[in-house]
Amino acid sequence: MLRLKIVSPEKIVYQGDVDSVLVPGTKGSFEILNDHAPIISSLSEGTVEYSTKEGKKQFNIHGGFVEVKKNEVSLCVEL
């Protein structure tokens, strides 16, 4: 299980547990799963998808950054 926090300059978009996160990296989309290696990456315009117990959720971003460490995923995005 991953702990996901998504923030924008305006608000906290989401905070909770997820099974996976798909992000639009500047070098191509990539998926973050449990026990992912630590990483910091810039994000390009595209769609962020994450899977919760209630199902898949998605929204569009204009860019941002992602940091992954110890099953904690932090996204700072511009909506």
PDB file of N, CA and C in Angstrom:
ATOM      1  N   MET A   1       0.849  -1.180   0.000  1.00  0.00           N
ATOM      2  CA  MET A   1       0.000   0.000   0.000  1.00  0.00           C
ATOM      3  C   MET A   1       0.893   1.241   0.000  1.00  0.00           C
ATOM      4  N   LEU A   2       0.512   2.218  -0.803  1.00  0.00           N
ATOM      5  CA  LEU A   2       1.222   3.493  -0.898  1.00  0.00           C
ATOM      6  C   LEU A   2       0.436   4.580  -0.189  1.00  0.00           C
ATOM      7  N   ARG A   3       1.139   5.532   0.373  1.00  0.00           N
ATOM      8  CA  ARG A   3       0.505   6.718   0.967  1.00  0.00           C
ATOM      9  C   ARG A   3       0.702   7.845  -0.037  1.00  0.00           C
ATOM     10  N   LEU A   4      -0.387   8.395  -0.572  1.00  0.00           N
ATOM     11  CA  LEU A   4      -0.333   9.414  -1.615  1.00  0.00           C
ATOM     12  C   LEU A   4      -0.817  10.750  -1.082  1.00  0.00           C
ATOM     13  N   LYS A   5      -0.054  11.806  -1.411  1.00  0.00           N
ATOM     14  CA  LYS A   5      -0.478  13.172  -1.103  1.00  0.00           C
ATOM     15  C   LYS A   5      -0.284  14.000  -2.371  1.00  0.00           C
ATOM     16  N   ILE A   6      -1.373  14.611  -2.832  1.00  0.00           N
ATOM     17  CA  ILE A   6      -1.343  15.455  -4.020  1.00  0.00           C
ATOM     18  C   ILE A   6      -1.715  16.866  -3.602  1.00  0.00           C
ATOM     19  N   VAL A   7      -0.812  17.816  -3.845  1.00  0.00           N
ATOM     20  CA  VAL A   7      -1.074  19.212  -3.499  1.00  0.00           C
ATOM     21  C   VAL A   7      -0.909  20.092  -4.731  1.00  0.00           C
ATOM     22  N   SER A   8      -1.715  21.141  -4.777  1.00  0.00           N
ATOM     23  CA  SER A   8      -1.597  22.183  -5.790  1.00  0.00           C
ATOM     24  C   SER A   8      -1.434  23.495  -5.031  1.00  0.00           C
ATOM     25  N   PRO A   9      -1.092  24.585  -5.716  1.00  0.00           N
ATOM     26  CA  PRO A   9      -0.983  25.864  -5.006  1.00  0.00           C
ATOM     27  C   PRO A   9      -2.283  26.276  -4.314  1.00  0.00           C
ATOM     28  N   GLU A  10      -3.413  25.803  -4.804  1.00  0.00           N
ATOM     29  CA  GLU A  10      -4.707  26.201  -4.262  1.00  0.00           C
ATOM     30  C   GLU A  10      -5.175  25.349  -3.079  1.00  0.00           C
ATOM     31  N   LYS A  11      -4.864  24.023  -3.099  1.00  0.00           N
ATOM     32  CA  LYS A  11      -5.463  23.136  -2.108  1.00  0.00           C
ATOM     33  C   LYS A  11      -4.766  21.781  -2.078  1.00  0.00           C
ATOM     34  N   ILE A  12      -5.115  20.979  -1.069  1.00  0.00           N
ATOM     35  CA  ILE A  12      -4.722  19.568  -1.063  1.00  0.00           C
ATOM     36  C   ILE A  12      -5.754  18.827  -1.899  1.00  0.00           C
ATOM     37  N   VAL A  13      -5.313  18.227  -2.991  1.00  0.00           N
ATOM     38  CA  VAL A  13      -6.209  17.554  -3.924  1.00  0.00           C
ATOM     39  C   VAL A  13      -6.632  16.188  -3.398  1.00  0.00           C
ATOM     40  N   TYR A  14      -5.672  15.433  -2.850  1.00  0.00           N
ATOM     41  CA  TYR A  14      -5.973  14.095  -2.328  1.00  0.00           C
ATOM     42  C   TYR A  14      -4.921  13.719  -1.297  1.00  0.00           C
ATOM     43  N   GLN A  15      -5.359  12.999  -0.288  1.00  0.00           N
ATOM     44  CA  GLN A  15      -4.447  12.454   0.712  1.00  0.00           C
ATOM     45  C   GLN A  15      -5.036  11.150   1.203  1.00  0.00           C
ATOM     46  N   GLY A  16      -4.314  10.039   1.003  1.00  0.00           N
ATOM     47  CA  GLY A  16      -4.831   8.751   1.438  1.00  0.00           C
ATOM     48  C   GLY A  16      -4.015   7.596   0.891  1.00  0.00           C
ATOM     49  N   ASP A  17      -4.496   6.384   1.147  1.00  0.00           N
ATOM     50  CA  ASP A  17      -3.828   5.163   0.707  1.00  0.00           C
ATOM     51  C   ASP A  17      -4.297   4.772  -0.687  1.00  0.00           C
ATOM     52  N   VAL A  18      -3.342   4.320  -1.503  1.00  0.00           N
ATOM     53  CA  VAL A  18      -3.635   3.891  -2.874  1.00  0.00           C
ATOM     54  C   VAL A  18      -2.839   2.623  -3.180  1.00  0.00           C
ATOM     55  N   ASP A  19      -3.253   1.925  -4.232  1.00  0.00           N
ATOM     56  CA  ASP A  19      -2.531   0.732  -4.689  1.00  0.00           C
ATOM     57  C   ASP A  19      -1.463   1.068  -5.718  1.00  0.00           C
ATOM     58  N   SER A  20      -1.729   2.085  -6.560  1.00  0.00           N
ATOM     59  CA  SER A  20      -0.777   2.474  -7.599  1.00  0.00           C
ATOM     60  C   SER A  20      -1.054   3.904  -8.044  1.00  0.00           C
ATOM     61  N   VAL A  21      -0.027   4.510  -8.662  1.00  0.00           N
ATOM     62  CA  VAL A  21      -0.139   5.871  -9.185  1.00  0.00           C
ATOM     63  C   VAL A  21       0.522   5.893 -10.557  1.00  0.00           C
ATOM     64  N   LEU A  22      -0.160   6.439 -11.557  1.00  0.00           N
ATOM     65  CA  LEU A  22       0.392   6.601 -12.896  1.00  0.00           C
ATOM     66  C   LEU A  22       0.540   8.094 -13.154  1.00  0.00           C
ATOM     67  N   VAL A  23       1.776   8.533 -13.484  1.00  0.00           N
ATOM     68  CA  VAL A  23       2.048   9.959 -13.659  1.00  0.00           C
ATOM     69  C   VAL A  23       2.673  10.220 -15.026  1.00  0.00           C
ATOM     70  N   PRO A  24       2.446  11.433 -15.580  1.00  0.00           N
ATOM     71  CA  PRO A  24       3.027  11.800 -16.883  1.00  0.00           C
ATOM     72  C   PRO A  24       4.417  12.427 -16.704  1.00  0.00           C
ATOM     73  N   GLY A  25       5.441  11.607 -16.593  1.00  0.00           N
ATOM     74  CA  GLY A  25       6.809  12.117 -16.475  1.00  0.00           C
ATOM     75  C   GLY A  25       7.229  12.842 -17.741  1.00  0.00           C
ATOM     76  N   THR A  26       8.197  13.734 -17.634  1.00  0.00           N
ATOM     77  CA  THR A  26       8.643  14.492 -18.813  1.00  0.00           C
ATOM     78  C   THR A  26       9.324  13.593 -19.845  1.00  0.00           C
ATOM     79  N   LYS A  27       9.831  12.443 -19.423  1.00  0.00           N
ATOM     80  CA  LYS A  27      10.457  11.488 -20.352  1.00  0.00           C
ATOM     81  C   LYS A  27       9.515  10.331 -20.677  1.00  0.00           C
ATOM     82  N   GLY A  28       8.245  10.457 -20.277  1.00  0.00           N
ATOM     83  CA  GLY A  28       7.253   9.417 -20.524  1.00  0.00           C
ATOM     84  C   GLY A  28       6.531   9.040 -19.254  1.00  0.00           C
ATOM     85  N   SER A  29       5.340   8.521 -19.403  1.00  0.00           N
ATOM     86  CA  SER A  29       4.530   8.129 -18.244  1.00  0.00           C
ATOM     87  C   SER A  29       5.169   6.949 -17.527  1.00  0.00           C
ATOM     88  N   PHE A  30       4.994   6.904 -16.199  1.00  0.00           N
ATOM     89  CA  PHE A  30       5.464   5.754 -15.447  1.00  0.00           C
ATOM     90  C   PHE A  30       4.537   5.501 -14.272  1.00  0.00           C
ATOM     91  N   GLU A  31       4.527   4.222 -13.845  1.00  0.00           N
ATOM     92  CA  GLU A  31       3.643   3.801 -12.765  1.00  0.00           C
ATOM     93  C   GLU A  31       4.450   3.569 -11.496  1.00  0.00           C
ATOM     94  N   ILE A  32       3.889   3.979 -10.379  1.00  0.00           N
ATOM     95  CA  ILE A  32       4.516   3.800  -9.072  1.00  0.00           C
ATOM     96  C   ILE A  32       3.716   2.754  -8.318  1.00  0.00           C
ATOM     97  N   LEU A  33       4.402   1.695  -7.905  1.00  0.00           N
ATOM     98  CA  LEU A  33       3.780   0.612  -7.158  1.00  0.00           C
ATOM     99  C   LEU A  33       4.452   0.488  -5.792  1.00  0.00           C
ATOM    100  N   ASN A  34       3.938  -0.386  -4.952  1.00  0.00           N
ATOM    101  CA  ASN A  34       4.495  -0.613  -3.632  1.00  0.00           C
ATOM    102  C   ASN A  34       5.986  -0.950  -3.721  1.00  0.00           C
ATOM    103  N   ASP A  35       6.791  -0.418  -2.808  1.00  0.00           N
ATOM    104  CA  ASP A  35       8.238  -0.634  -2.736  1.00  0.00           C
ATOM    105  C   ASP A  35       8.991  -0.090  -3.948  1.00  0.00           C
ATOM    106  N   HIS A  36       8.473   0.947  -4.582  1.00  0.00           N
ATOM    107  CA  HIS A  36       9.151   1.606  -5.701  1.00  0.00           C
ATOM    108  C   HIS A  36      10.453   2.219  -5.202  1.00  0.00           C
ATOM    109  N   ALA A  37      11.457   2.240  -6.048  1.00  0.00           N
ATOM    110  CA  ALA A  37      12.739   2.853  -5.699  1.00  0.00           C
ATOM    111  C   ALA A  37      12.540   4.353  -5.470  1.00  0.00           C
ATOM    112  N   PRO A  38      13.336   4.960  -4.589  1.00  0.00           N
ATOM    113  CA  PRO A  38      13.233   6.409  -4.376  1.00  0.00           C
ATOM    114  C   PRO A  38      13.493   7.160  -5.682  1.00  0.00           C
ATOM    115  N   ILE A  39      12.699   8.197  -5.921  1.00  0.00           N
ATOM    116  CA  ILE A  39      12.830   8.965  -7.160  1.00  0.00           C
ATOM    117  C   ILE A  39      12.254  10.358  -6.968  1.00  0.00           C
ATOM    118  N   ILE A  40      12.829  11.313  -7.671  1.00  0.00           N
ATOM    119  CA  ILE A  40      12.254  12.650  -7.829  1.00  0.00           C
ATOM    120  C   ILE A  40      12.225  12.900  -9.322  1.00  0.00           C
ATOM    121  N   SER A  41      11.073  13.320  -9.842  1.00  0.00           N
ATOM    122  CA  SER A  41      10.929  13.523 -11.282  1.00  0.00           C
ATOM    123  C   SER A  41      10.017  14.706 -11.559  1.00  0.00           C
ATOM    124  N   SER A  42      10.296  15.388 -12.653  1.00  0.00           N
ATOM    125  CA  SER A  42       9.397  16.443 -13.104  1.00  0.00           C
ATOM    126  C   SER A  42       8.252  15.803 -13.887  1.00  0.00           C
ATOM    127  N   LEU A  43       7.112  16.478 -13.883  1.00  0.00           N
ATOM    128  CA  LEU A  43       5.927  15.988 -14.583  1.00  0.00           C
ATOM    129  C   LEU A  43       5.541  16.966 -15.683  1.00  0.00           C
ATOM    130  N   SER A  44       5.059  16.419 -16.779  1.00  0.00           N
ATOM    131  CA  SER A  44       4.597  17.255 -17.883  1.00  0.00           C
ATOM    132  C   SER A  44       3.070  17.307 -17.870  1.00  0.00           C
ATOM    133  N   GLU A  45       2.520  18.034 -18.806  1.00  0.00           N
ATOM    134  CA  GLU A  45       1.067  18.105 -18.920  1.00  0.00           C
ATOM    135  C   GLU A  45       0.527  16.727 -19.263  1.00  0.00           C
ATOM    136  N   GLY A  46      -0.537  16.341 -18.580  1.00  0.00           N
ATOM    137  CA  GLY A  46      -1.122  15.024 -18.829  1.00  0.00           C
ATOM    138  C   GLY A  46      -2.089  14.632 -17.741  1.00  0.00           C
ATOM    139  N   THR A  47      -2.305  13.324 -17.612  1.00  0.00           N
ATOM    140  CA  THR A  47      -3.284  12.785 -16.671  1.00  0.00           C
ATOM    141  C   THR A  47      -2.594  12.003 -15.567  1.00  0.00           C
ATOM    142  N   VAL A  48      -3.000  12.265 -14.330  1.00  0.00           N
ATOM    143  CA  VAL A  48      -2.572  11.482 -13.174  1.00  0.00           C
ATOM    144  C   VAL A  48      -3.703  10.511 -12.855  1.00  0.00           C
ATOM    145  N   GLU A  49      -3.355   9.222 -12.688  1.00  0.00           N
ATOM    146  CA  GLU A  49      -4.335   8.204 -12.324  1.00  0.00           C
ATOM    147  C   GLU A  49      -3.866   7.518 -11.053  1.00  0.00           C
ATOM    148  N   TYR A  50      -4.808   7.245 -10.149  1.00  0.00           N
ATOM    149  CA  TYR A  50      -4.467   6.465  -8.964  1.00  0.00           C
ATOM    150  C   TYR A  50      -5.610   5.533  -8.629  1.00  0.00           C
ATOM    151  N   SER A  51      -5.246   4.375  -8.070  1.00  0.00           N
ATOM    152  CA  SER A  51      -6.232   3.345  -7.746  1.00  0.00           C
ATOM    153  C   SER A  51      -6.426   3.261  -6.244  1.00  0.00           C
ATOM    154  N   THR A  52      -7.675   3.388  -5.823  1.00  0.00           N
ATOM    155  CA  THR A  52      -8.039   3.252  -4.416  1.00  0.00           C
ATOM    156  C   THR A  52      -8.957   2.048  -4.271  1.00  0.00           C
ATOM    157  N   LYS A  53      -9.374   1.771  -3.060  1.00  0.00           N
ATOM    158  CA  LYS A  53     -10.322   0.676  -2.838  1.00  0.00           C
ATOM    159  C   LYS A  53     -11.644   0.941  -3.541  1.00  0.00           C
ATOM    160  N   GLU A  54     -11.987   2.223  -3.721  1.00  0.00           N
ATOM    161  CA  GLU A  54     -13.245   2.602  -4.377  1.00  0.00           C
ATOM    162  C   GLU A  54     -13.145   2.545  -5.901  1.00  0.00           C
ATOM    163  N   GLY A  55     -11.939   2.400  -6.449  1.00  0.00           N
ATOM    164  CA  GLY A  55     -11.764   2.340  -7.895  1.00  0.00           C
ATOM    165  C   GLY A  55     -10.701   3.314  -8.368  1.00  0.00           C
ATOM    166  N   LYS A  56     -10.613   3.457  -9.683  1.00  0.00           N
ATOM    167  CA  LYS A  56      -9.620   4.357 -10.275  1.00  0.00           C
ATOM    168  C   LYS A  56     -10.149   5.776 -10.328  1.00  0.00           C
ATOM    169  N   LYS A  57      -9.247   6.726 -10.067  1.00  0.00           N
ATOM    170  CA  LYS A  57      -9.577   8.143 -10.169  1.00  0.00           C
ATOM    171  C   LYS A  57      -8.511   8.810 -11.016  1.00  0.00           C
ATOM    172  N   GLN A  58      -8.895   9.857 -11.730  1.00  0.00           N
ATOM    173  CA  GLN A  58      -7.930  10.555 -12.572  1.00  0.00           C
ATOM    174  C   GLN A  58      -8.289  12.024 -12.702  1.00  0.00           C
ATOM    175  N   PHE A  59      -7.266  12.824 -13.015  1.00  0.00           N
ATOM    176  CA  PHE A  59      -7.456  14.250 -13.281  1.00  0.00           C
ATOM    177  C   PHE A  59      -6.286  14.751 -14.100  1.00  0.00           C
ATOM    178  N   ASN A  60      -6.482  15.862 -14.772  1.00  0.00           N
ATOM    179  CA  ASN A  60      -5.451  16.431 -15.641  1.00  0.00           C
ATOM    180  C   ASN A  60      -4.614  17.452 -14.890  1.00  0.00           C
ATOM    181  N   ILE A  61      -3.316  17.497 -15.237  1.00  0.00           N
ATOM    182  CA  ILE A  61      -2.404  18.480 -14.653  1.00  0.00           C
ATOM    183  C   ILE A  61      -1.686  19.215 -15.780  1.00  0.00           C
ATOM    184  N   HIS A  62      -1.122  20.383 -15.440  1.00  0.00           N
ATOM    185  CA  HIS A  62      -0.338  21.157 -16.404  1.00  0.00           C
ATOM    186  C   HIS A  62       1.156  20.979 -16.187  1.00  0.00           C
ATOM    187  N   GLY A  63       1.535  20.250 -15.144  1.00  0.00           N
ATOM    188  CA  GLY A  63       2.937  20.001 -14.828  1.00  0.00           C
ATOM    189  C   GLY A  63       3.124  19.909 -13.337  1.00  0.00           C
ATOM    190  N   GLY A  64       4.368  19.634 -12.919  1.00  0.00           N
ATOM    191  CA  GLY A  64       4.661  19.547 -11.497  1.00  0.00           C
ATOM    192  C   GLY A  64       5.842  18.648 -11.232  1.00  0.00           C
ATOM    193  N   PHE A  65       5.870  18.103 -10.008  1.00  0.00           N
ATOM    194  CA  PHE A  65       6.950  17.225  -9.567  1.00  0.00           C
ATOM    195  C   PHE A  65       6.371  16.076  -8.757  1.00  0.00           C
ATOM    196  N   VAL A  66       7.104  14.948  -8.743  1.00  0.00           N
ATOM    197  CA  VAL A  66       6.735  13.809  -7.917  1.00  0.00           C
ATOM    198  C   VAL A  66       7.969  13.356  -7.145  1.00  0.00           C
ATOM    199  N   GLU A  67       7.753  12.974  -5.887  1.00  0.00           N
ATOM    200  CA  GLU A  67       8.813  12.394  -5.066  1.00  0.00           C
ATOM    201  C   GLU A  67       8.290  11.108  -4.456  1.00  0.00           C
ATOM    202  N   VAL A  68       9.101  10.050  -4.540  1.00  0.00           N
ATOM    203  CA  VAL A  68       8.736   8.761  -3.963  1.00  0.00           C
ATOM    204  C   VAL A  68       9.846   8.347  -3.011  1.00  0.00           C
ATOM    205  N   LYS A  69       9.465   8.007  -1.770  1.00  0.00           N
ATOM    206  CA  LYS A  69      10.425   7.433  -0.819  1.00  0.00           C
ATOM    207  C   LYS A  69       9.672   6.666   0.253  1.00  0.00           C
ATOM    208  N   LYS A  70      10.114   5.453   0.519  1.00  0.00           N
ATOM    209  CA  LYS A  70       9.544   4.590   1.563  1.00  0.00           C
ATOM    210  C   LYS A  70       8.026   4.466   1.469  1.00  0.00           C
ATOM    211  N   ASN A  71       7.531   4.175   0.268  1.00  0.00           N
ATOM    212  CA  ASN A  71       6.097   3.988  -0.004  1.00  0.00           C
ATOM    213  C   ASN A  71       5.253   5.228   0.260  1.00  0.00           C
ATOM    214  N   GLU A  72       5.886   6.399   0.259  1.00  0.00           N
ATOM    215  CA  GLU A  72       5.161   7.666   0.329  1.00  0.00           C
ATOM    216  C   GLU A  72       5.378   8.403  -0.981  1.00  0.00           C
ATOM    217  N   VAL A  73       4.275   8.761  -1.631  1.00  0.00           N
ATOM    218  CA  VAL A  73       4.313   9.458  -2.915  1.00  0.00           C
ATOM    219  C   VAL A  73       3.762  10.860  -2.718  1.00  0.00           C
ATOM    220  N   SER A  74       4.568  11.857  -3.061  1.00  0.00           N
ATOM    221  CA  SER A  74       4.149  13.253  -2.938  1.00  0.00           C
ATOM    222  C   SER A  74       4.149  13.881  -4.320  1.00  0.00           C
ATOM    223  N   LEU A  75       3.011  14.433  -4.716  1.00  0.00           N
ATOM    224  CA  LEU A  75       2.904  15.145  -5.974  1.00  0.00           C
ATOM    225  C   LEU A  75       2.604  16.601  -5.701  1.00  0.00           C
ATOM    226  N   CYS A  76       3.366  17.480  -6.308  1.00  0.00           N
ATOM    227  CA  CYS A  76       3.101  18.916  -6.281  1.00  0.00           C
ATOM    228  C   CYS A  76       2.760  19.278  -7.720  1.00  0.00           C
ATOM    229  N   VAL A  77       1.503  19.629  -7.971  1.00  0.00           N
ATOM    230  CA  VAL A  77       1.035  19.787  -9.347  1.00  0.00           C
ATOM    231  C   VAL A  77       0.346  21.121  -9.551  1.00  0.00           C
ATOM    232  N   GLU A  78       0.320  21.525 -10.813  1.00  0.00           N
ATOM    233  CA  GLU A  78      -0.457  22.688 -11.235  1.00  0.00           C
ATOM    234  C   GLU A  78      -1.649  22.178 -12.005  1.00  0.00           C
ATOM    235  N   LEU A  79      -2.840  22.525 -11.529  1.00  0.00           N
ATOM    236  CA  LEU A  79      -4.074  22.036 -12.167  1.00  0.00           C
ATOM    237  C   LEU A  79      -4.502  22.922 -13.307  1.00  0.00           C
TER     238      LEU A  79
END
